[in-house]
Protein backbone atom coordinates (compact mmCIF):
# COMPACT_ATOMS: atom_id res chain seq x y z
CA THR A 1 76.91 120.72 -85.27
CA SER A 2 74.57 123.22 -86.91
CA LEU A 3 70.80 123.57 -86.88
CA ASN A 4 69.50 124.79 -90.24
CA GLY A 5 65.73 125.15 -90.51
CA ALA A 6 65.20 122.47 -87.84
CA THR A 7 62.29 121.77 -85.50
CA LEU A 8 63.21 119.91 -82.28
CA ILE A 9 60.51 118.75 -79.85
CA GLY A 10 60.38 117.13 -76.41
CA PHE A 11 63.66 115.73 -75.09
CA GLU A 12 66.40 116.23 -72.48
CA ILE A 13 70.11 116.82 -73.00
CA ASN A 14 72.36 115.40 -70.24
CA GLY A 15 76.08 115.40 -69.44
CA ASN A 16 79.01 117.82 -69.29
CA ILE A 17 80.98 119.54 -72.05
CA SER A 18 84.42 121.16 -71.76
CA SER A 19 86.00 122.66 -74.86
CA ILE A 20 88.59 125.17 -76.01
CA ASP A 21 86.23 126.05 -78.89
CA THR A 22 82.75 127.53 -79.22
CA VAL A 23 80.14 125.11 -77.92
CA GLY A 24 76.41 124.88 -77.35
CA ALA A 25 74.90 121.92 -75.49
CA LEU A 26 72.36 121.50 -78.30
CA SER A 27 74.21 123.04 -81.26
CA ASN A 28 77.21 125.23 -82.03
CA THR A 29 75.37 127.27 -84.70
CA ALA A 30 71.89 127.96 -86.06
CA THR A 31 70.71 129.43 -89.37
CA ASP A 32 67.34 129.94 -91.04
CA ARG A 33 64.26 129.31 -88.86
CA VAL A 34 64.83 127.01 -85.90
CA GLN A 35 62.09 125.90 -83.49
CA ILE A 36 62.96 124.31 -80.15
CA ILE A 37 59.95 123.14 -78.16
CA ASN A 38 59.84 121.50 -74.71
CA VAL A 39 63.57 120.75 -74.60
CA VAL A 40 65.43 120.63 -71.26
CA ASN A 41 69.17 121.21 -71.02
CA ASN A 42 71.00 119.58 -68.10
CA VAL A 43 74.48 119.83 -69.68
CA THR A 44 77.05 121.98 -67.86
CA VAL A 45 79.09 123.77 -70.53
CA ASN A 46 82.61 125.10 -69.97
CA ALA A 47 84.27 126.69 -73.04
CA ASN A 48 87.20 129.03 -73.58
CA THR A 49 85.25 131.09 -76.11
CA VAL A 50 81.45 131.08 -76.59
CA ALA A 51 79.28 128.82 -74.40
CA SER A 52 75.54 128.17 -74.28
CA GLY A 53 73.00 125.79 -72.83
CA PHE A 54 71.28 125.55 -76.22
CA ILE A 55 72.86 127.38 -79.21
CA ALA A 56 76.30 129.00 -79.08
CA GLU A 57 76.09 131.27 -82.15
CA SER A 58 73.65 132.38 -84.82
CA SER A 59 73.92 134.61 -87.83
CA GLY A 60 70.60 136.19 -88.76
CA ALA A 61 68.62 133.14 -87.66
CA ASN A 62 64.99 133.29 -86.54
CA LEU A 63 64.84 131.25 -83.34
CA PHE A 64 61.72 130.13 -81.50
CA PHE A 65 62.04 128.64 -77.99
CA ASN A 66 58.83 127.40 -76.34
CA GLY A 67 58.61 125.58 -73.00
CA CYS A 68 62.39 125.12 -72.82
CA ILE A 69 64.47 125.00 -69.62
CA ASN A 70 68.18 125.52 -69.04
CA ASN A 71 69.05 123.78 -65.73
CA ALA A 72 72.82 123.84 -66.24
CA ASP A 73 75.69 126.14 -65.36
CA ILE A 74 77.38 127.80 -68.36
CA TYR A 75 80.97 129.16 -68.42
CA GLY A 76 82.82 130.92 -71.29
CA ASP A 77 84.10 134.25 -72.64
CA ILE A 78 80.54 134.97 -73.84
CA SER A 79 77.89 132.86 -72.09
CA ALA A 80 74.12 132.45 -71.99
CA GLY A 81 71.51 129.89 -71.06
CA PHE A 82 69.90 129.86 -74.51
CA LEU A 83 71.83 131.84 -77.20
CA ALA A 84 75.28 133.19 -76.41
CA LYS A 85 76.20 135.20 -79.50
CA ALA A 86 74.34 136.58 -82.53
CA ASP A 87 76.44 138.09 -85.29
CA GLY A 88 76.24 138.70 -88.99
CA GLU A 89 74.93 141.36 -91.32
CA THR A 90 71.29 140.28 -90.95
CA VAL A 91 69.56 140.89 -87.63
CA GLY A 92 67.81 137.74 -86.45
CA ASN A 93 64.64 137.41 -84.40
CA ILE A 94 64.37 135.42 -81.20
CA LEU A 95 61.14 134.51 -79.43
CA PHE A 96 61.18 132.97 -75.95
CA GLU A 97 57.80 131.72 -74.69
CA TYR A 98 57.30 130.04 -71.31
CA CYS A 99 60.99 129.25 -70.87
CA ALA A 100 63.14 129.16 -67.72
CA SER A 101 66.83 129.78 -67.12
CA LEU A 102 67.75 128.05 -63.85
CA GLY A 103 71.55 127.61 -64.07
CA ASN A 104 74.38 129.99 -63.19
CA ILE A 105 75.90 131.92 -66.09
CA ASP A 106 79.51 133.10 -65.83
CA ALA A 107 81.52 134.82 -68.56
CA LYS A 108 84.65 136.83 -69.08
CA TYR A 109 83.06 139.49 -71.34
CA SER A 110 79.28 139.13 -71.76
CA ALA A 111 76.64 137.08 -69.92
CA GLY A 112 72.86 136.79 -69.81
CA ALA A 113 70.50 134.16 -68.45
CA PHE A 114 68.82 133.96 -71.88
CA PHE A 115 70.96 135.94 -74.37
CA GLY A 116 74.64 136.88 -74.21
CA SER A 117 75.65 139.39 -76.89
CA GLY A 118 74.98 140.53 -80.44
CA LYS A 119 72.43 141.72 -82.98
CA SER A 120 68.94 140.31 -82.52
CA ASN A 121 65.39 141.42 -82.04
CA ILE A 122 64.25 139.70 -78.86
CA GLU A 123 60.70 139.04 -77.68
CA MET A 124 60.03 137.28 -74.41
CA TYR A 125 56.75 136.20 -72.84
CA GLY A 126 56.04 134.21 -69.67
CA CYS A 127 59.70 133.41 -68.94
CA VAL A 128 61.48 132.96 -65.60
CA VAL A 129 65.05 133.52 -64.42
CA GLY A 130 65.87 131.56 -61.25
CA GLY A 131 63.69 129.08 -59.46
CA ASP A 132 63.70 127.56 -55.98
CA GLU A 133 67.37 128.57 -55.68
CA PRO A 134 68.69 131.97 -56.81
CA ILE A 135 71.13 131.96 -59.74
CA THR A 136 74.06 134.24 -60.55
CA VAL A 137 74.83 135.90 -63.85
CA SER A 138 78.32 137.42 -63.77
CA VAL A 139 81.32 138.63 -65.79
CA SER A 140 84.96 138.79 -64.68
CA SER A 141 86.25 141.52 -67.05
CA ALA A 142 86.11 145.08 -65.71
CA ASP A 143 84.51 146.26 -68.96
CA GLY A 144 82.25 143.21 -69.34
CA GLU A 145 78.49 143.37 -69.90
CA THR A 146 76.03 141.38 -67.87
CA GLY A 147 72.30 141.27 -67.41
CA GLY A 148 69.96 139.07 -65.44
CA VAL A 149 68.13 138.29 -68.67
CA ILE A 150 70.14 139.78 -71.57
CA GLY A 151 73.84 140.67 -71.55
CA ASN A 152 74.11 143.06 -74.51
CA ALA A 153 71.66 143.20 -77.41
CA LYS A 154 71.59 145.46 -80.45
CA GLY A 155 68.00 145.31 -81.66
CA ASP A 156 64.43 145.67 -80.46
CA ILE A 157 63.64 144.10 -77.08
CA ASP A 158 60.13 143.34 -75.82
CA ILE A 159 59.82 141.54 -72.47
CA ASN A 160 56.29 140.79 -71.23
CA ALA A 161 55.01 138.88 -68.18
CA SER A 162 58.46 137.49 -67.37
CA TYR A 163 60.05 137.24 -63.93
CA VAL A 164 63.40 137.23 -62.18
CA LEU A 165 62.95 135.21 -58.97
CA LYS A 166 65.16 135.65 -55.93
């Protein structure tokens, strides 16, 4: 599935997904301007390539997440709670406001609680990594890239009033 210029508001995603392909619990790809507001992901995702709790890949998309929560564990070569991979010639913009990443993120090459890898300008305000229980964000490759919030981003990053809880 692909989100193209969509606005999604107020629902939960439940279940489990295992795939040999790229997969996002909400969508595999996103283009244009996509707004996701008050959506909760409870889907554990296990993919052999790119895996995400919300969107697996974008190419120059402008993404707005507000009040969203990833509760699920995510496993793949490149993994993230919200957007795993951003590629393309155009640099996209991502805004996270009042979101939480509460599931474990495990990848072979690149992992982040919110963003995995790629070209994006990222702004974050009032977000939380971890909750009542600590989470892990890890990579298995010796030359892999991992971050508690962002794995590897090429672009401007502005993180304000956000917290990593232990």
